[in-house]
Amino acid sequence: MDAGGDAADGQSASPDGASSCEAMCAPAVPAGWSGPYAFYEVAGSPPLPLPSCDAGAYGNHIDDGFEGLDAGPSQCSCACGPVADASCGPPGASFFSDPRCTQSCLPAPQTIATTCTRLDIDTCGGGAHFTLEGGAPSGTCVPEASTTLPPPVLGENARVCGLPASPTAAGCVGGGVCVPSPLGGALCVAQGGTWTCPAGYPAAHMYYTSYSDTRSCTACACGLPTGIACSATLSLFGNANCTGGYGPSSAPAACGGVGVRSAMTTATTATGGNCAPSGGQPAGGVTPTAGRTVCCTE
């Protein structure tokens, strides 16, 4: 953006119209402000080159900055890998007094260990029946997360060029200062921070020389796995000390087991399952820093 205008054409006069300044008369620099400066802005994608301070009378390169900053939020992904270390606890037996396993017996459900397990069926009668259920599943999932930070896009690049020596009021009346034309730039004063523009330099620009990027993603985590199917193989025995074998069985299993007095688990298998992810949300942002107010004649 070319912020120049009539104040940069070399024809401006002091406030009362009388001037012997061979360059141009500009409003005096207010207390607390610095300048006058030649101020240039360029836009585009990518931005066009900024004019060189060396090209004109304002040969002192003060600094560069930018107006406008567009930085998208963090791009976050959060997922859970397959269930790792999936396992199942020992299967369990629930006891019933009828051959259809509808009438529960007093013994609480009993887990069948990998060593000989005497079944607690004494209070259920000699003809106790039971069902077999798979054991309790366990396992974990590893979070799979990624974070991408879109590069910030600057709106307009800005450059401030200063005079090699302080201007004088020679040839200007009414308190103005005699300065060269900024050659296509705007004639401005500047002050660090955010300020209201003073009289004589009413056109405000706010530009920055740096920015702080705190964008990130919240931590990605995985919940406990669900949907793991547990199965087991067992050996059943007619005696309480795991003798008199009936042969192998499996869990889960429907109603059965008349005459069985002991059992042991020989293997467990865990299949399937998944974990629900949580987190992985955009956080933080991009904030311009080291701001400077530039106020121009127009």
C-alpha atoms as a PDB file:
ATOM      1  CA  MET A   1       0.000   0.000   0.000  1.00  0.00           C
ATOM      2  CA  ASP A   2       1.453   3.419  -0.967  1.00  0.00           C
ATOM      3  CA  ALA A   3       0.652   5.648   1.979  1.00  0.00           C
ATOM      4  CA  GLY A   4       2.093   8.750   0.301  1.00  0.00           C
ATOM      5  CA  GLY A   5       0.185  11.768  -0.938  1.00  0.00           C
ATOM      6  CA  ASP A   6       0.341  15.534  -1.143  1.00  0.00           C
ATOM      7  CA  ALA A   7       2.645  15.730   1.889  1.00  0.00           C
ATOM      8  CA  ALA A   8       5.273  13.846  -0.125  1.00  0.00           C
ATOM      9  CA  ASP A   9       5.160  15.916  -3.336  1.00  0.00           C
ATOM     10  CA  GLY A  10       7.610  18.577  -2.218  1.00  0.00           C
ATOM     11  CA  GLN A  11       5.070  21.414  -2.484  1.00  0.00           C
ATOM     12  CA  SER A  12       3.719  21.608   1.071  1.00  0.00           C
ATOM     13  CA  ALA A  13       4.119  24.850   2.921  1.00  0.00           C
ATOM     14  CA  SER A  14       4.208  25.827   6.545  1.00  0.00           C
ATOM     15  CA  PRO A  15       0.856  26.359   8.268  1.00  0.00           C
ATOM     16  CA  ASP A  16       0.581  30.073   7.310  1.00  0.00           C
ATOM     17  CA  GLY A  17       1.500  29.431   3.669  1.00  0.00           C
ATOM     18  CA  ALA A  18       4.852  31.300   3.729  1.00  0.00           C
ATOM     19  CA  SER A  19       7.966  29.165   3.246  1.00  0.00           C
ATOM     20  CA  SER A  20      11.483  29.497   1.892  1.00  0.00           C
ATOM     21  CA  CYS A  21      12.247  25.792   2.523  1.00  0.00           C
ATOM     22  CA  GLU A  22      13.730  24.334  -0.675  1.00  0.00           C
ATOM     23  CA  ALA A  23      12.354  20.856   0.164  1.00  0.00           C
ATOM     24  CA  MET A  24       9.041  20.599   2.022  1.00  0.00           C
ATOM     25  CA  CYS A  25       7.728  21.844   5.325  1.00  0.00           C
ATOM     26  CA  ALA A  26       6.289  19.207   7.636  1.00  0.00           C
ATOM     27  CA  PRO A  27       4.528  19.551  10.988  1.00  0.00           C
ATOM     28  CA  ALA A  28       6.945  19.613  13.897  1.00  0.00           C
ATOM     29  CA  VAL A  29       7.591  16.289  15.617  1.00  0.00           C
ATOM     30  CA  PRO A  30       5.532  16.206  18.854  1.00  0.00           C
ATOM     31  CA  ALA A  31       7.206  15.453  22.171  1.00  0.00           C
ATOM     32  CA  GLY A  32       7.586  11.730  22.768  1.00  0.00           C
ATOM     33  CA  TRP A  33       7.580  10.928  19.042  1.00  0.00           C
ATOM     34  CA  SER A  34      10.481  10.357  16.677  1.00  0.00           C
ATOM     35  CA  GLY A  35      10.844  11.293  13.029  1.00  0.00           C
ATOM     36  CA  PRO A  36       9.963  12.518  10.550  1.00  0.00           C
ATOM     37  CA  TYR A  37      10.339   9.232   8.712  1.00  0.00           C
ATOM     38  CA  ALA A  38       9.612   7.904   5.259  1.00  0.00           C
ATOM     39  CA  PHE A  39       7.193   5.034   5.743  1.00  0.00           C
ATOM     40  CA  TYR A  40       6.596   2.372   3.078  1.00  0.00           C
ATOM     41  CA  GLU A  41       4.142  -0.526   2.938  1.00  0.00           C
ATOM     42  CA  VAL A  42       3.771  -3.271   0.349  1.00  0.00           C
ATOM     43  CA  ALA A  43       1.280  -6.102   0.130  1.00  0.00           C
ATOM     44  CA  GLY A  44       0.864  -9.188  -2.002  1.00  0.00           C
ATOM     45  CA  SER A  45       1.426 -12.898  -1.714  1.00  0.00           C
ATOM     46  CA  PRO A  46       4.321 -13.106  -1.460  1.00  0.00           C
ATOM     47  CA  PRO A  47       4.761  -9.405  -0.591  1.00  0.00           C
ATOM     48  CA  LEU A  48       6.452  -7.214  -3.184  1.00  0.00           C
ATOM     49  CA  PRO A  49       9.967  -5.937  -2.382  1.00  0.00           C
ATOM     50  CA  LEU A  50      10.173  -2.951  -0.071  1.00  0.00           C
ATOM     51  CA  PRO A  51      11.904   0.208  -1.340  1.00  0.00           C
ATOM     52  CA  SER A  52      15.487   0.578  -0.185  1.00  0.00           C
ATOM     53  CA  CYS A  53      16.182   3.354   2.287  1.00  0.00           C
ATOM     54  CA  ASP A  54      19.388   4.026   0.366  1.00  0.00           C
ATOM     55  CA  ALA A  55      17.383   5.108  -2.688  1.00  0.00           C
ATOM     56  CA  GLY A  56      16.422   8.522  -1.263  1.00  0.00           C
ATOM     57  CA  ALA A  57      17.262  11.186   1.245  1.00  0.00           C
ATOM     58  CA  TYR A  58      15.897   9.019   4.062  1.00  0.00           C
ATOM     59  CA  GLY A  59      18.915   6.740   4.015  1.00  0.00           C
ATOM     60  CA  ASN A  60      18.885   5.621   7.654  1.00  0.00           C
ATOM     61  CA  HIS A  61      17.180   2.205   7.857  1.00  0.00           C
ATOM     62  CA  ILE A  62      15.235   2.296  11.145  1.00  0.00           C
ATOM     63  CA  ASP A  63      13.532  -1.119  11.029  1.00  0.00           C
ATOM     64  CA  ASP A  64      11.089  -3.379   9.177  1.00  0.00           C
ATOM     65  CA  GLY A  65       7.823  -4.844  10.354  1.00  0.00           C
ATOM     66  CA  PHE A  66       4.383  -5.939   9.261  1.00  0.00           C
ATOM     67  CA  GLU A  67       0.750  -4.919   9.505  1.00  0.00           C
ATOM     68  CA  GLY A  68      -1.819  -7.700   9.747  1.00  0.00           C
ATOM     69  CA  LEU A  69      -1.136 -11.286  10.724  1.00  0.00           C
ATOM     70  CA  ASP A  70      -3.154 -14.313   9.689  1.00  0.00           C
ATOM     71  CA  ALA A  71      -2.160 -17.568  11.366  1.00  0.00           C
ATOM     72  CA  GLY A  72      -4.532 -20.521  11.326  1.00  0.00           C
ATOM     73  CA  PRO A  73      -5.018 -22.712  14.398  1.00  0.00           C
ATOM     74  CA  SER A  74      -2.952 -25.798  15.069  1.00  0.00           C
ATOM     75  CA  GLN A  75      -3.945 -28.753  12.933  1.00  0.00           C
ATOM     76  CA  CYS A  76      -4.247 -31.644  15.348  1.00  0.00           C
ATOM     77  CA  SER A  77      -4.932 -35.334  14.951  1.00  0.00           C
ATOM     78  CA  CYS A  78      -5.445 -37.840  17.745  1.00  0.00           C
ATOM     79  CA  ALA A  79      -6.125 -41.543  17.287  1.00  0.00           C
ATOM     80  CA  CYS A  80      -5.420 -44.778  19.103  1.00  0.00           C
ATOM     81  CA  GLY A  81      -3.436 -47.668  17.750  1.00  0.00           C
ATOM     82  CA  PRO A  82      -4.571 -51.279  18.080  1.00  0.00           C
ATOM     83  CA  VAL A  83      -4.925 -52.812  21.514  1.00  0.00           C
ATOM     84  CA  ALA A  84      -1.497 -53.822  22.786  1.00  0.00           C
ATOM     85  CA  ASP A  85      -0.841 -56.466  25.422  1.00  0.00           C
ATOM     86  CA  ALA A  86      -4.462 -57.586  25.307  1.00  0.00           C
ATOM     87  CA  SER A  87      -5.112 -60.346  27.805  1.00  0.00           C
ATOM     88  CA  CYS A  88      -7.917 -62.022  29.670  1.00  0.00           C
ATOM     89  CA  GLY A  89      -8.230 -63.089  33.251  1.00  0.00           C
ATOM     90  CA  PRO A  90      -9.300 -66.606  34.249  1.00  0.00           C
ATOM     91  CA  PRO A  91     -12.789 -67.679  33.174  1.00  0.00           C
ATOM     92  CA  GLY A  92     -15.604 -67.992  35.682  1.00  0.00           C
ATOM     93  CA  ALA A  93     -18.288 -70.519  36.521  1.00  0.00           C
ATOM     94  CA  SER A  94     -21.831 -69.645  37.667  1.00  0.00           C
ATOM     95  CA  PHE A  95     -23.795 -72.453  39.350  1.00  0.00           C
ATOM     96  CA  PHE A  96     -27.439 -73.495  38.920  1.00  0.00           C
ATOM     97  CA  SER A  97     -29.632 -76.201  40.421  1.00  0.00           C
ATOM     98  CA  ASP A  98     -31.615 -77.059  37.291  1.00  0.00           C
ATOM     99  CA  PRO A  99     -30.499 -78.546  33.946  1.00  0.00           C
ATOM    100  CA  ARG A 100     -31.513 -75.384  32.048  1.00  0.00           C
ATOM    101  CA  CYS A 101     -29.427 -73.134  34.308  1.00  0.00           C
ATOM    102  CA  THR A 102     -32.301 -70.863  35.253  1.00  0.00           C
ATOM    103  CA  GLN A 103     -32.235 -71.364  39.046  1.00  0.00           C
ATOM    104  CA  SER A 104     -29.086 -69.876  40.519  1.00  0.00           C
ATOM    105  CA  CYS A 105     -27.457 -71.672  43.417  1.00  0.00           C
ATOM    106  CA  LEU A 106     -25.988 -70.106  46.499  1.00  0.00           C
ATOM    107  CA  PRO A 107     -22.309 -70.243  45.505  1.00  0.00           C
ATOM    108  CA  ALA A 108     -21.103 -66.990  44.021  1.00  0.00           C
ATOM    109  CA  PRO A 109     -19.477 -67.094  40.567  1.00  0.00           C
ATOM    110  CA  GLN A 110     -16.092 -68.774  40.889  1.00  0.00           C
ATOM    111  CA  THR A 111     -12.968 -68.167  38.823  1.00  0.00           C
ATOM    112  CA  ILE A 112     -11.137 -71.176  37.402  1.00  0.00           C
ATOM    113  CA  ALA A 113      -7.407 -70.807  37.974  1.00  0.00           C
ATOM    114  CA  THR A 114      -4.567 -72.359  35.974  1.00  0.00           C
ATOM    115  CA  THR A 115      -4.021 -74.707  38.894  1.00  0.00           C
ATOM    116  CA  CYS A 116      -6.518 -77.243  40.147  1.00  0.00           C
ATOM    117  CA  THR A 117      -9.668 -75.457  41.283  1.00  0.00           C
ATOM    118  CA  ARG A 118     -12.222 -77.311  43.410  1.00  0.00           C
ATOM    119  CA  LEU A 119     -15.686 -76.158  42.419  1.00  0.00           C
ATOM    120  CA  ASP A 120     -17.827 -74.737  45.223  1.00  0.00           C
ATOM    121  CA  ILE A 121     -20.917 -76.788  44.519  1.00  0.00           C
ATOM    122  CA  ASP A 122     -21.505 -78.518  47.875  1.00  0.00           C
ATOM    123  CA  THR A 123     -24.426 -76.269  48.812  1.00  0.00           C
ATOM    124  CA  CYS A 124     -25.867 -76.580  45.319  1.00  0.00           C
ATOM    125  CA  GLY A 125     -26.479 -80.333  45.464  1.00  0.00           C
ATOM    126  CA  GLY A 126     -24.689 -83.131  43.754  1.00  0.00           C
ATOM    127  CA  GLY A 127     -26.423 -82.435  40.477  1.00  0.00           C
ATOM    128  CA  ALA A 128     -25.214 -78.880  40.137  1.00  0.00           C
ATOM    129  CA  HIS A 129     -24.969 -77.365  36.663  1.00  0.00           C
ATOM    130  CA  PHE A 130     -22.898 -74.389  35.613  1.00  0.00           C
ATOM    131  CA  THR A 131     -22.173 -71.980  32.786  1.00  0.00           C
ATOM    132  CA  LEU A 132     -18.708 -70.754  31.860  1.00  0.00           C
ATOM    133  CA  GLU A 133     -17.882 -67.147  31.046  1.00  0.00           C
ATOM    134  CA  GLY A 134     -14.734 -65.625  29.619  1.00  0.00           C
ATOM    135  CA  GLY A 135     -12.447 -63.748  31.988  1.00  0.00           C
ATOM    136  CA  ALA A 136     -12.043 -60.005  32.455  1.00  0.00           C
ATOM    137  CA  PRO A 137     -10.199 -58.322  29.560  1.00  0.00           C
ATOM    138  CA  SER A 138      -7.313 -55.884  29.885  1.00  0.00           C
ATOM    139  CA  GLY A 139      -4.888 -54.060  27.615  1.00  0.00           C
ATOM    140  CA  THR A 140      -3.756 -50.636  26.475  1.00  0.00           C
ATOM    141  CA  CYS A 141      -3.614 -48.571  23.304  1.00  0.00           C
ATOM    142  CA  VAL A 142      -0.804 -46.271  22.228  1.00  0.00           C
ATOM    143  CA  PRO A 143      -1.868 -42.712  21.238  1.00  0.00           C
ATOM    144  CA  GLU A 144      -1.043 -41.704  17.672  1.00  0.00           C
ATOM    145  CA  ALA A 145      -0.905 -37.908  17.504  1.00  0.00           C
ATOM    146  CA  SER A 146       0.370 -35.262  15.123  1.00  0.00           C
ATOM    147  CA  THR A 147       0.646 -31.469  15.207  1.00  0.00           C
ATOM    148  CA  THR A 148       0.958 -29.191  12.192  1.00  0.00           C
ATOM    149  CA  LEU A 149       1.364 -25.421  12.508  1.00  0.00           C
ATOM    150  CA  PRO A 150       0.355 -23.479   9.390  1.00  0.00           C
ATOM    151  CA  PRO A 151       2.955 -20.765   8.682  1.00  0.00           C
ATOM    152  CA  PRO A 152       1.754 -17.279   9.677  1.00  0.00           C
ATOM    153  CA  VAL A 153       0.887 -15.032   6.730  1.00  0.00           C
ATOM    154  CA  LEU A 154       1.833 -11.383   7.035  1.00  0.00           C
ATOM    155  CA  GLY A 155      -0.654  -8.863   5.684  1.00  0.00           C
ATOM    156  CA  GLU A 156       1.600  -5.970   4.625  1.00  0.00           C
ATOM    157  CA  ASN A 157       5.333  -5.519   5.013  1.00  0.00           C
ATOM    158  CA  ALA A 158       6.432  -2.141   6.317  1.00  0.00           C
ATOM    159  CA  ARG A 159       9.719  -0.236   6.374  1.00  0.00           C
ATOM    160  CA  VAL A 160      10.715   2.890   8.275  1.00  0.00           C
ATOM    161  CA  CYS A 161      13.537   5.047   6.896  1.00  0.00           C
ATOM    162  CA  GLY A 162      14.994   8.030   8.710  1.00  0.00           C
ATOM    163  CA  LEU A 163      17.060  11.080   7.904  1.00  0.00           C
ATOM    164  CA  PRO A 164      20.799  10.907   8.539  1.00  0.00           C
ATOM    165  CA  ALA A 165      20.563  14.129  10.593  1.00  0.00           C
ATOM    166  CA  SER A 166      17.826  15.862  12.568  1.00  0.00           C
ATOM    167  CA  PRO A 167      15.717  18.262  10.473  1.00  0.00           C
ATOM    168  CA  THR A 168      15.659  22.002  11.158  1.00  0.00           C
ATOM    169  CA  ALA A 169      12.986  24.677  10.997  1.00  0.00           C
ATOM    170  CA  ALA A 170      15.028  26.710   8.502  1.00  0.00           C
ATOM    171  CA  GLY A 171      12.750  28.202   5.878  1.00  0.00           C
ATOM    172  CA  CYS A 172       9.526  27.041   7.623  1.00  0.00           C
ATOM    173  CA  VAL A 173       7.309  29.265   9.714  1.00  0.00           C
ATOM    174  CA  GLY A 174       4.712  28.341  12.280  1.00  0.00           C
ATOM    175  CA  GLY A 175       6.827  25.610  13.900  1.00  0.00           C
ATOM    176  CA  GLY A 176       7.231  23.308  10.889  1.00  0.00           C
ATOM    177  CA  VAL A 177      10.432  21.514   9.916  1.00  0.00           C
ATOM    178  CA  CYS A 178      12.112  21.473   6.517  1.00  0.00           C
ATOM    179  CA  VAL A 179      12.521  17.916   5.233  1.00  0.00           C
ATOM    180  CA  PRO A 180      13.085  16.147   1.907  1.00  0.00           C
ATOM    181  CA  SER A 181      10.230  14.463   0.100  1.00  0.00           C
ATOM    182  CA  PRO A 182       9.829  10.785   1.106  1.00  0.00           C
ATOM    183  CA  LEU A 183       9.731   9.810  -2.600  1.00  0.00           C
ATOM    184  CA  GLY A 184       6.585   7.734  -2.802  1.00  0.00           C
ATOM    185  CA  GLY A 185       6.391   6.901   0.878  1.00  0.00           C
ATOM    186  CA  ALA A 186       4.367   8.553   3.595  1.00  0.00           C
ATOM    187  CA  LEU A 187       5.822  11.224   5.866  1.00  0.00           C
ATOM    188  CA  CYS A 188       5.339   9.998   9.399  1.00  0.00           C
ATOM    189  CA  VAL A 189       6.364  10.035  13.030  1.00  0.00           C
ATOM    190  CA  ALA A 190       6.558   6.914  15.233  1.00  0.00           C
ATOM    191  CA  GLN A 191       6.484   5.757  18.836  1.00  0.00           C
ATOM    192  CA  GLY A 192       6.750   2.309  20.392  1.00  0.00           C
ATOM    193  CA  GLY A 193       3.481   0.903  21.733  1.00  0.00           C
ATOM    194  CA  THR A 194      -0.117   1.828  20.982  1.00  0.00           C
ATOM    195  CA  TRP A 195      -0.887   5.554  20.858  1.00  0.00           C
ATOM    196  CA  THR A 196      -3.373   8.079  19.524  1.00  0.00           C
ATOM    197  CA  CYS A 197      -1.928   9.992  16.596  1.00  0.00           C
ATOM    198  CA  PRO A 198      -0.988  13.635  17.260  1.00  0.00           C
ATOM    199  CA  ALA A 199      -2.258  16.641  15.325  1.00  0.00           C
ATOM    200  CA  GLY A 200      -0.499  17.089  12.019  1.00  0.00           C
ATOM    201  CA  TYR A 201       0.036  13.323  11.646  1.00  0.00           C
ATOM    202  CA  PRO A 202      -3.515  11.919  11.810  1.00  0.00           C
ATOM    203  CA  ALA A 203      -3.218   8.750   9.664  1.00  0.00           C
ATOM    204  CA  ALA A 204      -2.509   5.828  12.007  1.00  0.00           C
ATOM    205  CA  HIS A 205      -0.680   2.601  11.243  1.00  0.00           C
ATOM    206  CA  MET A 206       0.123  -0.134  13.757  1.00  0.00           C
ATOM    207  CA  TYR A 207       2.902  -2.425  12.775  1.00  0.00           C
ATOM    208  CA  TYR A 208       4.954  -5.053  14.553  1.00  0.00           C
ATOM    209  CA  THR A 209       8.471  -6.377  14.289  1.00  0.00           C
ATOM    210  CA  SER A 210       7.915  -9.882  15.697  1.00  0.00           C
ATOM    211  CA  TYR A 211       5.281 -12.332  16.864  1.00  0.00           C
ATOM    212  CA  SER A 212       4.873 -14.978  19.540  1.00  0.00           C
ATOM    213  CA  ASP A 213       3.666 -18.385  18.402  1.00  0.00           C
ATOM    214  CA  THR A 214       2.220 -20.478  21.248  1.00  0.00           C
ATOM    215  CA  ARG A 215       0.130 -22.820  19.110  1.00  0.00           C
ATOM    216  CA  SER A 216       0.056 -26.462  20.122  1.00  0.00           C
ATOM    217  CA  CYS A 217      -2.297 -29.394  20.567  1.00  0.00           C
ATOM    218  CA  THR A 218      -3.604 -30.709  23.855  1.00  0.00           C
ATOM    219  CA  ALA A 219      -2.289 -34.092  24.947  1.00  0.00           C
ATOM    220  CA  CYS A 220      -3.667 -37.094  23.095  1.00  0.00           C
ATOM    221  CA  ALA A 221      -4.707 -40.004  25.305  1.00  0.00           C
ATOM    222  CA  CYS A 222      -6.447 -43.348  24.916  1.00  0.00           C
ATOM    223  CA  GLY A 223      -9.161 -44.706  27.161  1.00  0.00           C
ATOM    224  CA  LEU A 224      -9.367 -48.266  28.401  1.00  0.00           C
ATOM    225  CA  PRO A 225     -10.027 -50.791  25.635  1.00  0.00           C
ATOM    226  CA  THR A 226     -13.566 -51.972  25.009  1.00  0.00           C
ATOM    227  CA  GLY A 227     -14.898 -54.785  22.871  1.00  0.00           C
ATOM    228  CA  ILE A 228     -12.176 -57.324  23.724  1.00  0.00           C
ATOM    229  CA  ALA A 229     -13.624 -60.849  23.404  1.00  0.00           C
ATOM    230  CA  CYS A 230     -12.231 -63.301  25.951  1.00  0.00           C
ATOM    231  CA  SER A 231     -12.281 -67.068  25.520  1.00  0.00           C
ATOM    232  CA  ALA A 232     -10.589 -69.918  27.377  1.00  0.00           C
ATOM    233  CA  THR A 233      -9.985 -73.626  27.268  1.00  0.00           C
ATOM    234  CA  LEU A 234     -10.346 -75.693  30.434  1.00  0.00           C
ATOM    235  CA  SER A 235      -9.971 -79.230  31.669  1.00  0.00           C
ATOM    236  CA  LEU A 236     -12.879 -80.630  33.704  1.00  0.00           C
ATOM    237  CA  PHE A 237     -12.615 -83.427  36.269  1.00  0.00           C
ATOM    238  CA  GLY A 238     -15.021 -85.674  38.107  1.00  0.00           C
ATOM    239  CA  ASN A 239     -12.997 -85.630  41.343  1.00  0.00           C
ATOM    240  CA  ALA A 240     -12.206 -82.680  43.590  1.00  0.00           C
ATOM    241  CA  ASN A 241      -8.443 -83.137  43.117  1.00  0.00           C
ATOM    242  CA  CYS A 242      -8.485 -82.816  39.297  1.00  0.00           C
ATOM    243  CA  THR A 243      -8.550 -86.536  38.582  1.00  0.00           C
ATOM    244  CA  GLY A 244     -11.143 -88.513  36.702  1.00  0.00           C
ATOM    245  CA  GLY A 245     -10.965 -86.193  33.757  1.00  0.00           C
ATOM    246  CA  TYR A 246     -13.938 -85.411  31.537  1.00  0.00           C
ATOM    247  CA  GLY A 247     -11.730 -83.837  28.890  1.00  0.00           C
ATOM    248  CA  PRO A 248     -11.401 -80.304  27.578  1.00  0.00           C
ATOM    249  CA  SER A 249     -14.090 -77.629  27.595  1.00  0.00           C
ATOM    250  CA  SER A 250     -14.248 -73.991  26.524  1.00  0.00           C
ATOM    251  CA  ALA A 251     -15.552 -70.745  27.867  1.00  0.00           C
ATOM    252  CA  PRO A 252     -17.956 -69.165  27.234  1.00  0.00           C
ATOM    253  CA  ALA A 253     -20.094 -72.283  27.435  1.00  0.00           C
ATOM    254  CA  ALA A 254     -23.800 -72.906  27.882  1.00  0.00           C
ATOM    255  CA  CYS A 255     -25.413 -74.904  30.677  1.00  0.00           C
ATOM    256  CA  GLY A 256     -23.718 -78.191  31.495  1.00  0.00           C
ATOM    257  CA  GLY A 257     -21.386 -79.782  33.967  1.00  0.00           C
ATOM    258  CA  VAL A 258     -23.299 -82.467  35.909  1.00  0.00           C
ATOM    259  CA  GLY A 259     -20.800 -84.522  37.916  1.00  0.00           C
ATOM    260  CA  VAL A 260     -17.907 -82.098  37.488  1.00  0.00           C
ATOM    261  CA  ARG A 261     -16.114 -81.422  40.772  1.00  0.00           C
ATOM    262  CA  SER A 262     -12.945 -79.565  39.771  1.00  0.00           C
ATOM    263  CA  ALA A 263     -11.384 -77.774  36.813  1.00  0.00           C
ATOM    264  CA  MET A 264      -8.333 -75.830  35.652  1.00  0.00           C
ATOM    265  CA  THR A 265      -7.746 -73.264  32.933  1.00  0.00           C
ATOM    266  CA  THR A 266      -5.211 -74.269  30.298  1.00  0.00           C
ATOM    267  CA  ALA A 267      -5.270 -71.180  28.040  1.00  0.00           C
ATOM    268  CA  THR A 268      -6.963 -67.822  27.534  1.00  0.00           C
ATOM    269  CA  THR A 269      -7.336 -65.834  24.315  1.00  0.00           C
ATOM    270  CA  ALA A 270      -8.122 -62.138  23.772  1.00  0.00           C
ATOM    271  CA  THR A 271      -9.333 -60.899  20.389  1.00  0.00           C
ATOM    272  CA  GLY A 272     -10.564 -57.589  18.988  1.00  0.00           C
ATOM    273  CA  GLY A 273     -11.162 -54.443  20.957  1.00  0.00           C
ATOM    274  CA  ASN A 274     -10.338 -50.772  20.521  1.00  0.00           C
ATOM    275  CA  CYS A 275      -9.699 -47.632  22.544  1.00  0.00           C
ATOM    276  CA  ALA A 276     -11.418 -44.262  22.278  1.00  0.00           C
ATOM    277  CA  PRO A 277      -9.079 -41.263  21.847  1.00  0.00           C
ATOM    278  CA  SER A 278      -9.406 -38.018  23.769  1.00  0.00           C
ATOM    279  CA  GLY A 279      -7.581 -34.711  23.530  1.00  0.00           C
ATOM    280  CA  GLY A 280      -5.695 -33.514  20.506  1.00  0.00           C
ATOM    281  CA  GLN A 281      -7.471 -30.136  20.409  1.00  0.00           C
ATOM    282  CA  PRO A 282      -5.951 -26.882  19.087  1.00  0.00           C
ATOM    283  CA  ALA A 283      -4.513 -24.611  21.768  1.00  0.00           C
ATOM    284  CA  GLY A 284      -2.640 -21.332  21.875  1.00  0.00           C
ATOM    285  CA  GLY A 285      -2.316 -18.803  19.089  1.00  0.00           C
ATOM    286  CA  VAL A 286      -0.081 -16.326  17.317  1.00  0.00           C
ATOM    287  CA  THR A 287       0.209 -12.848  18.807  1.00  0.00           C
ATOM    288  CA  PRO A 288       2.115  -9.938  17.228  1.00  0.00           C
ATOM    289  CA  THR A 289       4.719  -8.376  19.526  1.00  0.00           C
ATOM    290  CA  ALA A 290       6.995  -5.332  19.644  1.00  0.00           C
ATOM    291  CA  GLY A 291       4.329  -3.027  18.253  1.00  0.00           C
ATOM    292  CA  ARG A 292       4.939   0.499  17.013  1.00  0.00           C
ATOM    293  CA  THR A 293       2.448   3.228  16.194  1.00  0.00           C
ATOM    294  CA  VAL A 294       3.282   5.094  12.992  1.00  0.00           C
ATOM    295  CA  CYS A 295       1.310   8.290  12.334  1.00  0.00           C
ATOM    296  CA  CYS A 296       1.474   9.931   8.930  1.00  0.00           C
ATOM    297  CA  THR A 297       0.414  13.236   7.456  1.00  0.00           C
ATOM    298  CA  GLU A 298      -2.190  11.382   5.373  1.00  0.00           C
END
